[in-house]
Amino acid sequence: QVQLVESGGRLVQPGASLRLSCVVSGRTASTYAMGWFRQAPGKEREFVAAISWSGAPQRYAESVKGRFTISRDNAKNTVYLQMNSLKPEDTAVYYCAADARRLGISSPEYSYWGQGTQVTVSS
């Protein structure tokens, strides 16, 4: 009974910052890697960032390196995605995923998914 619930997505202007949160319940909360993915209309789901159970190492998609930071607070069973310098190209539904055995960049490596939170970057 693992559940993931994302929050924090909203409409913002280019250059703004947002922090997405994902609260995880269940045995995988602080045991395996977690990741963030996103999917824009008409596009396939793409990898954004991943983090190990200990918080290090981390990996990022090239498109978000230097702008996004993934972190986790195992005491709160929460993973975060801090997004800075947002661009219109970042507009997508963002999903958190859990229970990968490694810092995977493909969705089949993750067993559990949240419902997604919409991030819209527009002027």
Protein backbone atom coordinates (compact mmCIF):
# COMPACT_ATOMS: atom_id res chain seq x y z
CA GLN A 1 0.00 0.00 0.00
CA VAL A 2 2.49 2.58 -1.19
CA GLN A 3 1.04 5.95 -2.08
CA LEU A 4 2.63 9.11 -3.43
CA VAL A 5 0.93 12.50 -3.36
CA GLU A 6 2.45 15.45 -5.20
CA SER A 7 1.68 19.09 -4.55
CA GLY A 8 2.97 22.54 -5.37
CA GLY A 9 2.27 22.86 -9.07
CA ARG A 10 0.69 26.08 -10.33
CA LEU A 11 0.81 28.77 -12.98
CA VAL A 12 3.93 30.95 -12.82
CA GLN A 13 5.74 33.40 -15.06
CA PRO A 14 9.03 32.62 -16.80
CA GLY A 15 11.95 33.02 -14.42
CA ALA A 16 9.90 32.14 -11.36
CA SER A 17 10.61 29.41 -8.85
CA LEU A 18 8.49 26.58 -7.52
CA ARG A 19 9.01 23.78 -5.08
CA LEU A 20 7.14 20.57 -5.66
CA SER A 21 6.61 18.12 -2.85
CA CYS A 22 5.77 14.45 -2.83
CA VAL A 23 4.71 12.73 0.36
CA VAL A 24 5.23 8.99 0.35
CA SER A 25 3.55 6.43 2.56
CA GLY A 26 4.66 2.83 2.79
CA ARG A 27 7.80 0.82 3.14
CA THR A 28 9.61 2.50 0.25
CA ALA A 29 9.48 5.95 1.83
CA SER A 30 13.15 5.99 2.79
CA THR A 31 14.64 2.85 1.32
CA TYR A 32 15.06 3.29 -2.42
CA ALA A 33 15.79 5.90 -4.99
CA MET A 34 13.06 8.31 -6.01
CA GLY A 35 12.59 10.29 -9.14
CA TRP A 36 10.70 13.08 -10.80
CA PHE A 37 9.33 12.80 -14.31
CA ARG A 38 7.26 15.14 -16.42
CA GLN A 39 4.97 14.90 -19.39
CA ALA A 40 3.92 17.73 -21.64
CA PRO A 41 0.93 17.55 -23.99
CA GLY A 42 1.75 15.54 -27.08
CA LYS A 43 5.09 14.39 -25.69
CA GLU A 44 6.31 11.29 -23.97
CA ARG A 45 7.06 11.21 -20.29
CA GLU A 46 10.62 12.27 -19.66
CA PHE A 47 13.06 11.93 -16.81
CA VAL A 48 13.77 15.02 -14.73
CA ALA A 49 15.75 14.04 -11.64
CA ALA A 50 16.47 11.16 -9.29
CA ILE A 51 17.86 10.81 -5.79
CA SER A 52 19.20 7.88 -3.79
CA TRP A 53 17.81 6.77 -0.46
CA SER A 54 20.62 8.59 1.34
CA GLY A 55 20.25 11.78 -0.65
CA ALA A 56 23.40 11.22 -2.68
CA PRO A 57 24.19 10.69 -5.45
CA GLN A 58 21.70 12.55 -7.57
CA ARG A 59 21.22 12.77 -11.31
CA TYR A 60 19.44 15.23 -13.56
CA ALA A 61 18.26 15.58 -17.08
CA GLU A 62 20.49 17.89 -19.09
CA SER A 63 17.59 20.23 -19.69
CA VAL A 64 17.23 21.01 -15.98
CA LYS A 65 20.81 20.85 -14.70
CA GLY A 66 21.72 23.96 -12.78
CA ARG A 67 18.08 24.99 -12.42
CA PHE A 68 16.37 22.13 -10.59
CA THR A 69 17.40 20.46 -7.36
CA ILE A 70 16.00 17.22 -6.00
CA SER A 71 16.14 16.53 -2.28
CA ARG A 72 14.46 14.34 0.28
CA ASP A 73 13.57 14.42 3.93
CA ASN A 74 13.24 10.83 5.04
CA ALA A 75 11.93 11.84 8.46
CA LYS A 76 8.98 13.44 6.69
CA ASN A 77 8.76 10.79 3.97
CA THR A 78 8.94 13.58 1.44
CA VAL A 79 10.88 14.23 -1.73
CA TYR A 80 11.16 17.72 -3.18
CA LEU A 81 11.90 19.27 -6.52
CA GLN A 82 13.10 22.85 -6.30
CA MET A 83 12.66 24.47 -9.69
CA ASN A 84 14.33 27.80 -10.42
CA SER A 85 14.51 29.94 -13.54
CA LEU A 86 11.47 28.24 -14.95
CA LYS A 87 10.94 28.33 -18.69
CA PRO A 88 7.82 27.79 -20.80
CA GLU A 89 9.41 24.53 -21.93
CA ASP A 90 9.10 23.29 -18.34
CA THR A 91 5.32 23.28 -18.62
CA ALA A 92 4.13 19.75 -17.93
CA VAL A 93 2.48 17.47 -15.46
CA TYR A 94 5.13 16.48 -12.96
CA TYR A 95 5.08 13.04 -11.39
CA CYS A 96 7.09 11.64 -8.54
CA ALA A 97 8.04 7.99 -8.55
CA ALA A 98 9.43 5.63 -5.96
CA ASP A 99 11.01 2.25 -5.43
CA ALA A 100 13.66 2.15 -8.11
CA ARG A 101 16.59 -0.10 -7.28
CA ARG A 102 18.98 2.41 -8.79
CA LEU A 103 19.03 5.99 -10.01
CA GLY A 104 16.97 5.11 -13.01
CA ILE A 105 16.01 7.44 -15.81
CA SER A 106 13.29 5.26 -17.30
CA SER A 107 9.81 4.91 -15.88
CA PRO A 108 9.74 1.07 -15.77
CA GLU A 109 12.42 1.22 -13.08
CA TYR A 110 9.93 2.76 -10.65
CA SER A 111 7.15 0.81 -9.03
CA TYR A 112 4.98 3.55 -7.59
CA TRP A 113 3.73 6.82 -9.00
CA GLY A 114 1.85 9.85 -7.81
CA GLN A 115 -1.13 11.40 -9.54
CA GLY A 116 0.86 14.30 -10.92
CA THR A 117 0.81 18.05 -10.37
CA GLN A 118 0.46 20.59 -13.16
CA VAL A 119 3.19 23.17 -13.65
CA THR A 120 2.47 25.89 -16.18
CA VAL A 121 5.08 28.50 -17.08
CA SER A 122 3.62 31.31 -19.15
CA SER A 123 3.76 35.07 -19.43
